[in-house]
Amino acid sequence: MNRILEVAGPQQVPIVELVRRALARRADPRVVIADPRAPYFGAELHDGQLLRGPEAIIATTTFADWATATPDAPAPRERE
């Protein structure tokens, strides 16, 4: 019997925004540009397609809470 465990956070935040926040926390100057036509495992997605299902366990930890509790990683070095 296959069981799927789905866990979601308490907020709906676009992945591009999470990446921007993570880079900003590390003072990483790279710019994140969303490409709405970029494939996700070969499929073109539309807003709302990767939202949690009705059986998901909703965690109480927000991205900001998690980021605050996670040690800062150094920003990557430029490639030569």
C-alpha atoms as a PDB file:
ATOM      1  CA  MET A   1       0.000   0.000   0.000  1.00  0.00           C
ATOM      2  CA  ASN A   2       1.497   3.342  -1.065  1.00  0.00           C
ATOM      3  CA  ARG A   3       0.821   6.240   1.245  1.00  0.00           C
ATOM      4  CA  ILE A   4       1.707   9.800   0.438  1.00  0.00           C
ATOM      5  CA  LEU A   5       2.707  12.198   3.171  1.00  0.00           C
ATOM      6  CA  GLU A   6       2.056  15.773   2.153  1.00  0.00           C
ATOM      7  CA  VAL A   7       3.276  18.589   4.382  1.00  0.00           C
ATOM      8  CA  ALA A   8       2.707  22.275   3.670  1.00  0.00           C
ATOM      9  CA  GLY A   9       3.464  25.547   5.360  1.00  0.00           C
ATOM     10  CA  PRO A  10       0.838  27.898   6.707  1.00  0.00           C
ATOM     11  CA  GLN A  11       1.276  30.437   3.890  1.00  0.00           C
ATOM     12  CA  GLN A  12       1.012  30.257   0.110  1.00  0.00           C
ATOM     13  CA  VAL A  13       4.148  31.904  -1.238  1.00  0.00           C
ATOM     14  CA  PRO A  14       5.425  31.649  -4.822  1.00  0.00           C
ATOM     15  CA  ILE A  15       8.716  29.733  -5.000  1.00  0.00           C
ATOM     16  CA  VAL A  16      10.362  32.681  -6.762  1.00  0.00           C
ATOM     17  CA  GLU A  17       9.622  34.836  -3.704  1.00  0.00           C
ATOM     18  CA  LEU A  18      11.090  32.225  -1.344  1.00  0.00           C
ATOM     19  CA  VAL A  19      14.272  32.149  -3.422  1.00  0.00           C
ATOM     20  CA  ARG A  20      14.472  35.950  -3.393  1.00  0.00           C
ATOM     21  CA  ARG A  21      14.108  36.003   0.396  1.00  0.00           C
ATOM     22  CA  ALA A  22      16.726  33.295   0.862  1.00  0.00           C
ATOM     23  CA  LEU A  23      19.234  35.117  -1.354  1.00  0.00           C
ATOM     24  CA  ALA A  24      18.561  38.442   0.369  1.00  0.00           C
ATOM     25  CA  ARG A  25      19.211  36.833   3.762  1.00  0.00           C
ATOM     26  CA  ARG A  26      22.625  35.800   2.526  1.00  0.00           C
ATOM     27  CA  ALA A  27      23.322  39.201   0.918  1.00  0.00           C
ATOM     28  CA  ASP A  28      23.555  37.361  -2.396  1.00  0.00           C
ATOM     29  CA  PRO A  29      23.234  39.974  -5.150  1.00  0.00           C
ATOM     30  CA  ARG A  30      21.827  37.651  -7.809  1.00  0.00           C
ATOM     31  CA  VAL A  31      18.502  38.649  -9.309  1.00  0.00           C
ATOM     32  CA  VAL A  32      15.724  36.073  -9.509  1.00  0.00           C
ATOM     33  CA  ILE A  33      13.502  36.292 -12.554  1.00  0.00           C
ATOM     34  CA  ALA A  34      10.390  34.150 -12.781  1.00  0.00           C
ATOM     35  CA  ASP A  35       9.698  32.430 -16.072  1.00  0.00           C
ATOM     36  CA  PRO A  36       6.043  31.397 -16.087  1.00  0.00           C
ATOM     37  CA  ARG A  37       6.629  29.245 -19.175  1.00  0.00           C
ATOM     38  CA  ALA A  38       9.559  27.290 -17.742  1.00  0.00           C
ATOM     39  CA  PRO A  39       8.679  23.596 -17.529  1.00  0.00           C
ATOM     40  CA  TYR A  40       8.397  21.792 -14.208  1.00  0.00           C
ATOM     41  CA  PHE A  41       9.465  18.205 -14.837  1.00  0.00           C
ATOM     42  CA  GLY A  42       8.415  18.734 -18.448  1.00  0.00           C
ATOM     43  CA  ALA A  43       5.016  20.290 -17.765  1.00  0.00           C
ATOM     44  CA  GLU A  44       4.043  23.947 -17.997  1.00  0.00           C
ATOM     45  CA  LEU A  45       2.317  24.905 -14.755  1.00  0.00           C
ATOM     46  CA  HIS A  46      -0.181  27.637 -13.987  1.00  0.00           C
ATOM     47  CA  ASP A  47      -0.879  29.534 -10.757  1.00  0.00           C
ATOM     48  CA  GLY A  48      -2.232  27.317  -8.027  1.00  0.00           C
ATOM     49  CA  GLN A  49      -1.262  23.956  -9.516  1.00  0.00           C
ATOM     50  CA  LEU A  50       1.269  23.062  -6.825  1.00  0.00           C
ATOM     51  CA  LEU A  51      -0.871  23.911  -3.837  1.00  0.00           C
ATOM     52  CA  ARG A  52      -1.422  21.461  -1.020  1.00  0.00           C
ATOM     53  CA  GLY A  53      -4.136  18.871  -1.201  1.00  0.00           C
ATOM     54  CA  PRO A  54      -7.023  18.441   1.221  1.00  0.00           C
ATOM     55  CA  GLU A  55      -5.197  15.751   3.235  1.00  0.00           C
ATOM     56  CA  ALA A  56      -1.997  17.772   3.773  1.00  0.00           C
ATOM     57  CA  ILE A  57      -0.575  18.305   7.231  1.00  0.00           C
ATOM     58  CA  ILE A  58      -0.241  22.062   7.721  1.00  0.00           C
ATOM     59  CA  ALA A  59       2.912  23.014   9.600  1.00  0.00           C
ATOM     60  CA  THR A  60       2.922  26.109  11.785  1.00  0.00           C
ATOM     61  CA  THR A  61       6.454  27.172  10.859  1.00  0.00           C
ATOM     62  CA  THR A  62       6.608  29.986   8.315  1.00  0.00           C
ATOM     63  CA  PHE A  63       9.504  30.457   5.918  1.00  0.00           C
ATOM     64  CA  ALA A  64      10.662  33.471   7.959  1.00  0.00           C
ATOM     65  CA  ASP A  65      10.612  31.408  11.183  1.00  0.00           C
ATOM     66  CA  TRP A  66      12.541  28.601   9.521  1.00  0.00           C
ATOM     67  CA  ALA A  67      15.082  31.006   7.993  1.00  0.00           C
ATOM     68  CA  THR A  68      15.643  32.714  11.352  1.00  0.00           C
ATOM     69  CA  ALA A  69      16.318  29.365  13.027  1.00  0.00           C
ATOM     70  CA  THR A  70      18.668  28.202  10.247  1.00  0.00           C
ATOM     71  CA  PRO A  71      22.320  29.292  10.376  1.00  0.00           C
ATOM     72  CA  ASP A  72      23.355  31.605   7.577  1.00  0.00           C
ATOM     73  CA  ALA A  73      25.348  29.949   4.829  1.00  0.00           C
ATOM     74  CA  PRO A  74      28.065  31.987   3.158  1.00  0.00           C
ATOM     75  CA  ALA A  75      27.235  33.507  -0.203  1.00  0.00           C
ATOM     76  CA  PRO A  76      28.787  31.577  -3.103  1.00  0.00           C
ATOM     77  CA  ARG A  77      32.053  32.823  -4.553  1.00  0.00           C
ATOM     78  CA  GLU A  78      32.217  34.084  -8.092  1.00  0.00           C
ATOM     79  CA  ARG A  79      33.461  31.562 -10.631  1.00  0.00           C
ATOM     80  CA  GLU A  80      36.767  32.313 -12.242  1.00  0.00           C
END
